[in-house]
Structures are given as structure tokens and as C-alpha cells.
Amino acid sequence: MLPSIPTDRPTYESSIATYWFDEGILVSLSKNPRRTVELIKQNAELVRKITDNKPVPLLIYLTDSPMPDNATRKFSGQVVPQIYSAMAMISKPGLASLIMKMVFAMKKPPIPMKSFSDAEEAIQWLRDIRGSGN
């Protein structure tokens, strides 16, 4: 189940997601356009601005979107550890693992990443990661 975009705090829009903070965790509600290098660059610039250029834990609600090309997947793999400290992905079964396989094919993700079907479990995992200093 997707969350409602809050009205009691600032929200930020990019072409691929809506963002807001919830108790120190950046929440992302994904949109479904095909990811391109240019869209990932624009999104990363927005995230850097709203996080004061500090990697933060991300709780991302994934949506189906068209398969990005190889250049975009490679670029995403380089950008993710620059802007996020950990990533909890909430999606229908299989979607998050497919995305992780596409972006980090043949190598371990550079930050802690885990997929969930339950938002509360995902939030607790991010809090635990943050508390352990990873």
C-alpha cells in the first residue's frame, strides 16, 4: 500500500519521485517514467539539495517502470552510494530484487539494501542500520 504524500511538512518533486523526510529518513514515492541518465542526474541533484549533500537512509516505495538502458543502470549504481547511506525498498514481490540485480549485476550493492513488503519492517531496519553506524 502506497503512503499518502504528507501535507504537514515540505515535499520535493522530481520527474521520477516525490520525496519527504520522516524522522530522519528520506521517503521516496516512485513515479513510473523510464529512467535515463539525465533523469537520474536531475534526481540526484535534487536529493543532494534536500539532504545538504549528505548521504541519508532512503525508504523507497517502488513502482513499475520501463527497463532502463545499460548506461542508466551503470550510472545509477555509481550515484546511489553518493546520495544514500542505506536503502529499504518496498514493492510487490520480486520487483526490488529485479531492480537490485539490474543495477548491481554481478557485484554487491555498495550500501546496505533490502527489500520489504511491510513499511514498518523497512523503517525499523533503516533505524537499526542508522543506529549501528553503517
Protein backbone atom coordinates (compact mmCIF):
# COMPACT_ATOMS: atom_id res chain seq x y z
CA MET A 1 0.00 0.00 0.00
CA LEU A 2 1.39 3.37 -1.01
CA PRO A 3 1.57 6.18 1.53
CA SER A 4 -0.20 9.48 1.12
CA ILE A 5 2.02 12.45 0.36
CA PRO A 6 2.14 14.42 3.61
CA THR A 7 0.75 17.92 3.88
CA ASP A 8 2.37 18.76 7.24
CA ARG A 9 5.97 19.04 6.00
CA PRO A 10 7.93 20.05 2.90
CA THR A 11 7.77 17.70 -0.07
CA TYR A 12 10.03 17.70 -3.10
CA GLU A 13 9.22 16.67 -6.66
CA SER A 14 11.43 15.22 -9.37
CA SER A 15 10.49 13.55 -12.63
CA ILE A 16 10.91 10.13 -11.03
CA ALA A 17 9.79 10.57 -7.41
CA THR A 18 8.19 12.62 -4.67
CA TYR A 19 10.32 12.99 -1.51
CA TRP A 20 9.83 13.99 2.11
CA PHE A 21 11.55 13.41 5.43
CA ASP A 22 10.05 11.30 8.18
CA GLU A 23 12.05 11.15 11.42
CA GLY A 24 15.41 11.49 9.66
CA ILE A 25 14.59 9.02 6.89
CA LEU A 26 14.12 10.27 3.34
CA VAL A 27 10.93 8.76 1.93
CA SER A 28 10.55 8.37 -1.82
CA LEU A 29 7.33 7.64 -3.65
CA SER A 30 8.48 6.47 -7.07
CA LYS A 31 6.91 7.58 -10.33
CA ASN A 32 6.94 5.37 -13.39
CA PRO A 33 8.75 7.08 -16.29
CA ARG A 34 11.66 5.26 -17.90
CA ARG A 35 14.83 6.16 -16.05
CA THR A 36 17.52 7.81 -18.18
CA VAL A 37 20.96 9.11 -17.27
CA GLU A 38 19.62 12.66 -17.49
CA LEU A 39 16.63 11.94 -15.20
CA ILE A 40 18.90 10.19 -12.68
CA LYS A 41 21.30 13.19 -12.76
CA GLN A 42 18.44 15.64 -12.16
CA ASN A 43 17.04 13.48 -9.37
CA ALA A 44 20.44 13.12 -7.69
CA GLU A 45 20.88 16.93 -7.80
CA LEU A 46 17.52 17.36 -6.05
CA VAL A 47 18.39 14.76 -3.40
CA ARG A 48 21.75 16.44 -2.77
CA LYS A 49 19.99 19.80 -2.27
CA ILE A 50 17.39 18.49 0.16
CA THR A 51 19.92 16.42 2.15
CA ASP A 52 22.59 19.13 2.25
CA ASN A 53 24.81 16.81 0.20
CA LYS A 54 24.95 14.19 2.98
CA PRO A 55 24.07 10.53 2.32
CA VAL A 56 20.83 9.64 4.12
CA PRO A 57 18.79 6.47 4.64
CA LEU A 58 16.11 6.05 1.97
CA LEU A 59 12.74 4.36 2.25
CA ILE A 60 11.56 3.95 -1.32
CA TYR A 61 8.16 2.81 -2.49
CA LEU A 62 8.87 1.30 -5.91
CA THR A 63 6.51 1.37 -8.87
CA ASP A 64 6.71 -0.47 -12.14
CA SER A 65 8.63 1.49 -14.73
CA PRO A 66 10.16 0.57 -18.08
CA MET A 67 13.56 -1.14 -18.03
CA PRO A 68 16.38 1.44 -18.13
CA ASP A 69 19.22 1.02 -20.59
CA ASN A 70 22.70 -0.21 -19.60
CA ALA A 71 24.19 3.28 -19.33
CA THR A 72 21.43 4.36 -16.94
CA ARG A 73 21.80 1.25 -14.80
CA LYS A 74 25.56 1.78 -14.61
CA PHE A 75 25.17 5.46 -13.74
CA SER A 76 22.57 4.67 -11.08
CA GLY A 77 24.96 2.20 -9.49
CA GLN A 78 27.56 4.96 -9.22
CA VAL A 79 25.20 7.63 -7.86
CA VAL A 80 23.34 5.57 -5.23
CA PRO A 81 26.21 5.38 -2.69
CA GLN A 82 26.90 9.10 -3.10
CA ILE A 83 23.42 10.18 -2.01
CA TYR A 84 22.09 7.35 0.19
CA SER A 85 23.56 5.60 3.22
CA ALA A 86 21.10 2.68 3.12
CA MET A 87 18.06 1.79 1.05
CA ALA A 88 14.90 -0.05 2.08
CA MET A 89 12.71 -0.83 -0.91
CA ILE A 90 9.01 -1.54 -0.58
CA SER A 91 7.42 -3.19 -3.58
CA LYS A 92 5.36 -6.03 -4.80
CA PRO A 93 7.24 -9.33 -4.56
CA GLY A 94 10.20 -9.62 -6.93
CA LEU A 95 10.35 -6.01 -8.16
CA ALA A 96 13.02 -4.78 -5.74
CA SER A 97 15.22 -7.81 -6.26
CA LEU A 98 14.92 -7.38 -10.03
CA ILE A 99 16.00 -3.74 -9.73
CA MET A 100 18.93 -4.64 -7.47
CA LYS A 101 20.02 -7.32 -9.95
CA MET A 102 19.80 -4.88 -12.85
CA VAL A 103 21.66 -2.02 -11.18
CA PHE A 104 24.24 -4.08 -9.27
CA ALA A 105 24.65 -7.01 -11.64
CA MET A 106 27.49 -9.30 -10.62
CA LYS A 107 28.55 -7.19 -7.64
CA LYS A 108 27.39 -6.48 -4.13
CA PRO A 109 25.48 -3.22 -3.60
CA PRO A 110 27.78 -0.51 -2.20
CA ILE A 111 25.35 0.38 0.62
CA PRO A 112 23.05 -1.77 2.75
CA MET A 113 19.93 -2.56 0.69
CA LYS A 114 16.99 -4.74 1.45
CA SER A 115 13.52 -5.27 0.02
CA PHE A 116 10.35 -5.42 2.09
CA SER A 117 6.63 -5.79 1.63
CA ASP A 118 5.91 -4.16 5.01
CA ALA A 119 6.74 -0.47 5.57
CA GLU A 120 7.13 -0.77 9.36
CA GLU A 121 9.71 -3.55 8.97
CA ALA A 122 11.57 -1.42 6.42
CA ILE A 123 11.58 1.63 8.70
CA GLN A 124 12.83 -0.42 11.65
CA TRP A 125 15.61 -1.91 9.51
CA LEU A 126 16.72 1.59 8.44
CA ARG A 127 16.69 2.77 12.06
CA ASP A 128 18.75 -0.27 13.06
CA ILE A 129 21.25 0.39 10.23
CA ARG A 130 21.49 4.07 11.17
CA GLY A 131 21.96 3.19 14.83
CA SER A 132 24.75 0.72 14.06
CA GLY A 133 26.75 3.39 12.21
CA ASN A 134 26.58 1.69 8.77
